[in-house]
Amino acid sequence: MVIGVIADTQTLLTPDQMKEVSRAFHGVDAILHAGPVGDLRVLDQLKTLAPTEAVCGNAESHEVRSELYVRAVWRSRGLKIGLIHGYGPPFSLTEWMTKQFENEPVDVIVYGNHFEPKARKMGNIYFFNPGSFSGRLPEGIRGTGPSRLGLLYIEGRKVEGQSLVVNALT
């Protein structure tokens, strides 16, 4: 199974951006959006490519916050995948996110906060952040970086994540 992962879209995707997302997510089984979506119509755009689940981020309008949860658990082939944007300082983010799912332990946590691509197993949980689609750099770094998406490869209980740089900024 392959899952497309995106975070930090901030607004409706342009036709050029959709073309890049479509190319990167060609053949994925599902898409997870780790917020902020910025505009609920982004989810409609992504749903044309594959079934899509999303959570709200920390910079969302009232409309988006009223439609999306802050966190969700998505089940796939025996794995529980926690989906959350994430909040707080980078040095304690993994501990904070783990606590958010302590009542329903997960195998994977997909998140978007701090915009630093990450694919790492810590303890029993695999943490995956694709990086920022809008090109934001990790906290503390100034400027704009490349637009990023991610792919999660799941085979049995084995999970691997890959961050991709795409030419989606316009």
C-alpha atoms as a PDB file:
ATOM      1  CA  MET A   1       0.000   0.000   0.000  1.00  0.00           C
ATOM      2  CA  VAL A   2       1.201   3.512  -0.776  1.00  0.00           C
ATOM      3  CA  ILE A   3      -0.209   6.600   0.930  1.00  0.00           C
ATOM      4  CA  GLY A   4       0.369  10.130  -0.314  1.00  0.00           C
ATOM      5  CA  VAL A   5       1.058  12.640   2.457  1.00  0.00           C
ATOM      6  CA  ILE A   6       0.780  16.414   2.226  1.00  0.00           C
ATOM      7  CA  ALA A   7       0.897  19.262   4.747  1.00  0.00           C
ATOM      8  CA  ASP A   8       0.770  23.053   4.684  1.00  0.00           C
ATOM      9  CA  THR A   9      -1.178  23.731   1.493  1.00  0.00           C
ATOM     10  CA  GLN A  10      -2.525  27.007   2.958  1.00  0.00           C
ATOM     11  CA  THR A  11      -4.863  27.702   0.015  1.00  0.00           C
ATOM     12  CA  LEU A  12      -6.586  26.232  -3.039  1.00  0.00           C
ATOM     13  CA  LEU A  13      -4.124  24.473  -5.336  1.00  0.00           C
ATOM     14  CA  THR A  14      -3.415  26.033  -8.728  1.00  0.00           C
ATOM     15  CA  PRO A  15      -3.705  23.911 -11.888  1.00  0.00           C
ATOM     16  CA  ASP A  16       0.119  23.658 -12.025  1.00  0.00           C
ATOM     17  CA  GLN A  17       0.257  22.571  -8.389  1.00  0.00           C
ATOM     18  CA  MET A  18      -2.475  19.977  -8.978  1.00  0.00           C
ATOM     19  CA  LYS A  19      -0.503  18.622 -11.923  1.00  0.00           C
ATOM     20  CA  GLU A  20       2.576  18.169  -9.688  1.00  0.00           C
ATOM     21  CA  VAL A  21       0.540  16.604  -6.871  1.00  0.00           C
ATOM     22  CA  SER A  22      -1.166  14.286  -9.350  1.00  0.00           C
ATOM     23  CA  ARG A  23       2.192  13.215 -10.770  1.00  0.00           C
ATOM     24  CA  ALA A  24       3.686  12.577  -7.325  1.00  0.00           C
ATOM     25  CA  PHE A  25       0.587  10.778  -6.007  1.00  0.00           C
ATOM     26  CA  HIS A  26      -0.101   8.744  -9.151  1.00  0.00           C
ATOM     27  CA  GLY A  27      -1.400   5.335  -8.064  1.00  0.00           C
ATOM     28  CA  VAL A  28      -1.538   6.011  -4.303  1.00  0.00           C
ATOM     29  CA  ASP A  29      -4.194   4.146  -2.355  1.00  0.00           C
ATOM     30  CA  ALA A  30      -5.075   7.114  -0.135  1.00  0.00           C
ATOM     31  CA  ILE A  31      -3.990  10.646   0.768  1.00  0.00           C
ATOM     32  CA  LEU A  32      -3.461  12.046   4.273  1.00  0.00           C
ATOM     33  CA  HIS A  33      -3.352  15.824   4.793  1.00  0.00           C
ATOM     34  CA  ALA A  34      -1.637  16.851   8.040  1.00  0.00           C
ATOM     35  CA  GLY A  35      -2.871  20.467   7.954  1.00  0.00           C
ATOM     36  CA  PRO A  36      -3.161  23.304   7.624  1.00  0.00           C
ATOM     37  CA  VAL A  37      -5.363  22.889   4.568  1.00  0.00           C
ATOM     38  CA  GLY A  38      -6.209  26.596   4.389  1.00  0.00           C
ATOM     39  CA  ASP A  39      -9.246  26.004   2.183  1.00  0.00           C
ATOM     40  CA  LEU A  40     -11.632  23.039   2.432  1.00  0.00           C
ATOM     41  CA  ARG A  41     -11.807  22.873  -1.372  1.00  0.00           C
ATOM     42  CA  VAL A  42      -8.222  21.539  -1.299  1.00  0.00           C
ATOM     43  CA  LEU A  43      -9.681  18.300   0.045  1.00  0.00           C
ATOM     44  CA  ASP A  44     -12.090  18.102  -2.894  1.00  0.00           C
ATOM     45  CA  GLN A  45      -9.117  18.575  -5.222  1.00  0.00           C
ATOM     46  CA  LEU A  46      -7.187  15.776  -3.511  1.00  0.00           C
ATOM     47  CA  LYS A  47     -10.206  13.453  -3.478  1.00  0.00           C
ATOM     48  CA  THR A  48     -10.127  13.448  -7.285  1.00  0.00           C
ATOM     49  CA  LEU A  49      -6.814  11.561  -6.954  1.00  0.00           C
ATOM     50  CA  ALA A  50      -7.550   9.140  -4.079  1.00  0.00           C
ATOM     51  CA  PRO A  51      -9.651   8.851  -0.898  1.00  0.00           C
ATOM     52  CA  THR A  52      -8.475  11.649   1.397  1.00  0.00           C
ATOM     53  CA  GLU A  53      -8.421  12.185   5.171  1.00  0.00           C
ATOM     54  CA  ALA A  54      -7.345  15.433   6.812  1.00  0.00           C
ATOM     55  CA  VAL A  55      -6.952  17.254  10.104  1.00  0.00           C
ATOM     56  CA  CYS A  56      -6.858  20.974  10.724  1.00  0.00           C
ATOM     57  CA  GLY A  57      -3.643  22.808  11.451  1.00  0.00           C
ATOM     58  CA  ASN A  58      -2.796  25.629  13.805  1.00  0.00           C
ATOM     59  CA  ALA A  59      -3.506  28.428  11.291  1.00  0.00           C
ATOM     60  CA  GLU A  60      -6.993  27.617  10.066  1.00  0.00           C
ATOM     61  CA  SER A  61     -10.147  29.652   9.581  1.00  0.00           C
ATOM     62  CA  HIS A  62     -13.223  29.038  11.730  1.00  0.00           C
ATOM     63  CA  GLU A  63     -14.827  27.299   8.725  1.00  0.00           C
ATOM     64  CA  VAL A  64     -11.996  24.753   8.452  1.00  0.00           C
ATOM     65  CA  ARG A  65     -11.850  24.202  12.224  1.00  0.00           C
ATOM     66  CA  SER A  66     -15.594  23.513  12.284  1.00  0.00           C
ATOM     67  CA  GLU A  67     -15.233  20.772   9.625  1.00  0.00           C
ATOM     68  CA  LEU A  68     -11.978  18.996  10.560  1.00  0.00           C
ATOM     69  CA  TYR A  69     -10.743  17.358  13.723  1.00  0.00           C
ATOM     70  CA  VAL A  70      -7.441  18.280  15.373  1.00  0.00           C
ATOM     71  CA  ARG A  71      -6.408  14.619  15.308  1.00  0.00           C
ATOM     72  CA  ALA A  72      -7.706  11.397  13.811  1.00  0.00           C
ATOM     73  CA  VAL A  73      -6.835   7.721  13.741  1.00  0.00           C
ATOM     74  CA  TRP A  74      -6.878   6.091  10.331  1.00  0.00           C
ATOM     75  CA  ARG A  75      -6.801   2.303  10.129  1.00  0.00           C
ATOM     76  CA  SER A  76      -5.212   0.484   7.252  1.00  0.00           C
ATOM     77  CA  ARG A  77      -4.357  -3.183   6.938  1.00  0.00           C
ATOM     78  CA  GLY A  78      -3.940  -3.772  10.646  1.00  0.00           C
ATOM     79  CA  LEU A  79      -1.995  -0.559  11.323  1.00  0.00           C
ATOM     80  CA  LYS A  80      -3.287   2.450  13.208  1.00  0.00           C
ATOM     81  CA  ILE A  81      -2.054   5.717  11.737  1.00  0.00           C
ATOM     82  CA  GLY A  82      -2.423   8.830  13.857  1.00  0.00           C
ATOM     83  CA  LEU A  83      -2.942  12.007  11.855  1.00  0.00           C
ATOM     84  CA  ILE A  84      -2.256  15.349  13.538  1.00  0.00           C
ATOM     85  CA  HIS A  85      -0.730  18.677  12.613  1.00  0.00           C
ATOM     86  CA  GLY A  86       1.239  18.968  15.858  1.00  0.00           C
ATOM     87  CA  TYR A  87       1.777  21.905  18.176  1.00  0.00           C
ATOM     88  CA  GLY A  88       4.569  23.122  20.402  1.00  0.00           C
ATOM     89  CA  PRO A  89       8.342  23.418  20.283  1.00  0.00           C
ATOM     90  CA  PRO A  90      10.270  21.016  18.042  1.00  0.00           C
ATOM     91  CA  PHE A  91      12.350  19.504  20.865  1.00  0.00           C
ATOM     92  CA  SER A  92       9.272  18.080  22.615  1.00  0.00           C
ATOM     93  CA  LEU A  93       6.961  17.562  19.650  1.00  0.00           C
ATOM     94  CA  THR A  94       7.232  13.763  19.379  1.00  0.00           C
ATOM     95  CA  GLU A  95       6.467  13.318  23.083  1.00  0.00           C
ATOM     96  CA  TRP A  96       3.510  15.698  22.847  1.00  0.00           C
ATOM     97  CA  MET A  97       2.105  13.912  19.782  1.00  0.00           C
ATOM     98  CA  THR A  98       2.539  10.487  21.401  1.00  0.00           C
ATOM     99  CA  LYS A  99       0.482  11.710  24.396  1.00  0.00           C
ATOM    100  CA  GLN A 100      -2.301  12.835  22.053  1.00  0.00           C
ATOM    101  CA  PHE A 101      -2.814   9.205  21.042  1.00  0.00           C
ATOM    102  CA  GLU A 102      -2.242   7.524  24.435  1.00  0.00           C
ATOM    103  CA  ASN A 103      -5.929   6.537  24.735  1.00  0.00           C
ATOM    104  CA  GLU A 104      -5.752   4.874  21.318  1.00  0.00           C
ATOM    105  CA  PRO A 105      -2.118   3.899  20.688  1.00  0.00           C
ATOM    106  CA  VAL A 106      -0.960   4.154  17.088  1.00  0.00           C
ATOM    107  CA  ASP A 107       1.796   2.547  15.031  1.00  0.00           C
ATOM    108  CA  VAL A 108       2.482   5.618  12.889  1.00  0.00           C
ATOM    109  CA  ILE A 109       2.071   9.356  13.461  1.00  0.00           C
ATOM    110  CA  VAL A 110       1.787  11.540  10.371  1.00  0.00           C
ATOM    111  CA  TYR A 111       2.179  15.238  11.130  1.00  0.00           C
ATOM    112  CA  GLY A 112       3.028  18.550   9.494  1.00  0.00           C
ATOM    113  CA  ASN A 113       4.155  21.037  12.145  1.00  0.00           C
ATOM    114  CA  HIS A 114       7.636  22.592  11.967  1.00  0.00           C
ATOM    115  CA  PHE A 115       7.861  21.637   8.274  1.00  0.00           C
ATOM    116  CA  GLU A 116      11.003  19.546   8.688  1.00  0.00           C
ATOM    117  CA  PRO A 117      10.851  16.342   6.660  1.00  0.00           C
ATOM    118  CA  LYS A 118      11.186  13.387   9.002  1.00  0.00           C
ATOM    119  CA  ALA A 119      10.872   9.634   8.615  1.00  0.00           C
ATOM    120  CA  ARG A 120      12.028   7.902  11.765  1.00  0.00           C
ATOM    121  CA  LYS A 121      10.942   5.179  14.151  1.00  0.00           C
ATOM    122  CA  MET A 122      11.183   6.175  17.784  1.00  0.00           C
ATOM    123  CA  GLY A 123      10.253   3.460  20.245  1.00  0.00           C
ATOM    124  CA  ASN A 124       7.210   1.667  18.845  1.00  0.00           C
ATOM    125  CA  ILE A 125       6.007   4.570  16.695  1.00  0.00           C
ATOM    126  CA  TYR A 126       7.078   5.585  13.191  1.00  0.00           C
ATOM    127  CA  PHE A 127       6.957   9.391  12.816  1.00  0.00           C
ATOM    128  CA  PHE A 128       6.515  10.895   9.365  1.00  0.00           C
ATOM    129  CA  ASN A 129       6.484  14.539   8.274  1.00  0.00           C
ATOM    130  CA  PRO A 130       6.613  15.165   4.508  1.00  0.00           C
ATOM    131  CA  GLY A 131       7.778  18.773   4.872  1.00  0.00           C
ATOM    132  CA  SER A 132       5.880  21.840   3.723  1.00  0.00           C
ATOM    133  CA  PHE A 133       3.988  21.918   0.443  1.00  0.00           C
ATOM    134  CA  SER A 134       3.935  25.729   0.539  1.00  0.00           C
ATOM    135  CA  GLY A 135       7.730  25.806   0.851  1.00  0.00           C
ATOM    136  CA  ARG A 136       8.042  26.864   4.467  1.00  0.00           C
ATOM    137  CA  LEU A 137      11.344  25.914   6.000  1.00  0.00           C
ATOM    138  CA  PRO A 138      11.758  24.243   9.414  1.00  0.00           C
ATOM    139  CA  GLU A 139      11.285  26.489  12.428  1.00  0.00           C
ATOM    140  CA  GLY A 140      14.172  28.886  12.938  1.00  0.00           C
ATOM    141  CA  ILE A 141      15.301  28.891   9.297  1.00  0.00           C
ATOM    142  CA  ARG A 142      14.453  31.974   7.247  1.00  0.00           C
ATOM    143  CA  GLY A 143      13.377  32.089   3.629  1.00  0.00           C
ATOM    144  CA  THR A 144      11.465  29.718   1.410  1.00  0.00           C
ATOM    145  CA  GLY A 145      12.466  26.217   0.450  1.00  0.00           C
ATOM    146  CA  PRO A 146      11.239  23.644  -2.020  1.00  0.00           C
ATOM    147  CA  SER A 147       7.689  22.415  -2.125  1.00  0.00           C
ATOM    148  CA  ARG A 148       7.456  18.936  -0.559  1.00  0.00           C
ATOM    149  CA  LEU A 149       5.100  15.977  -0.504  1.00  0.00           C
ATOM    150  CA  GLY A 150       5.556  12.536   0.985  1.00  0.00           C
ATOM    151  CA  LEU A 151       4.879   8.897   0.338  1.00  0.00           C
ATOM    152  CA  LEU A 152       4.344   6.252   3.008  1.00  0.00           C
ATOM    153  CA  TYR A 153       5.033   2.698   1.888  1.00  0.00           C
ATOM    154  CA  ILE A 154       3.300   0.035   3.969  1.00  0.00           C
ATOM    155  CA  GLU A 155       4.019  -3.653   3.608  1.00  0.00           C
ATOM    156  CA  GLY A 156       2.591  -5.742   6.400  1.00  0.00           C
ATOM    157  CA  ARG A 157       3.723  -3.969   9.564  1.00  0.00           C
ATOM    158  CA  LYS A 158       6.745  -2.425   7.885  1.00  0.00           C
ATOM    159  CA  VAL A 159       6.455   1.321   7.208  1.00  0.00           C
ATOM    160  CA  GLU A 160       8.848   3.536   5.253  1.00  0.00           C
ATOM    161  CA  GLY A 161       8.420   7.203   4.460  1.00  0.00           C
ATOM    162  CA  GLN A 162       9.898   9.284   1.683  1.00  0.00           C
ATOM    163  CA  SER A 163       9.826  13.085   1.321  1.00  0.00           C
ATOM    164  CA  LEU A 164       9.691  14.322  -2.272  1.00  0.00           C
ATOM    165  CA  VAL A 165      10.645  17.730  -3.660  1.00  0.00           C
ATOM    166  CA  VAL A 166       8.186  18.882  -6.333  1.00  0.00           C
ATOM    167  CA  ASN A 167       8.119  21.935  -8.600  1.00  0.00           C
ATOM    168  CA  ALA A 168       4.765  23.135  -7.335  1.00  0.00           C
ATOM    169  CA  LEU A 169       5.459  26.679  -6.154  1.00  0.00           C
ATOM    170  CA  THR A 170       4.186  29.386  -8.451  1.00  0.00           C
END
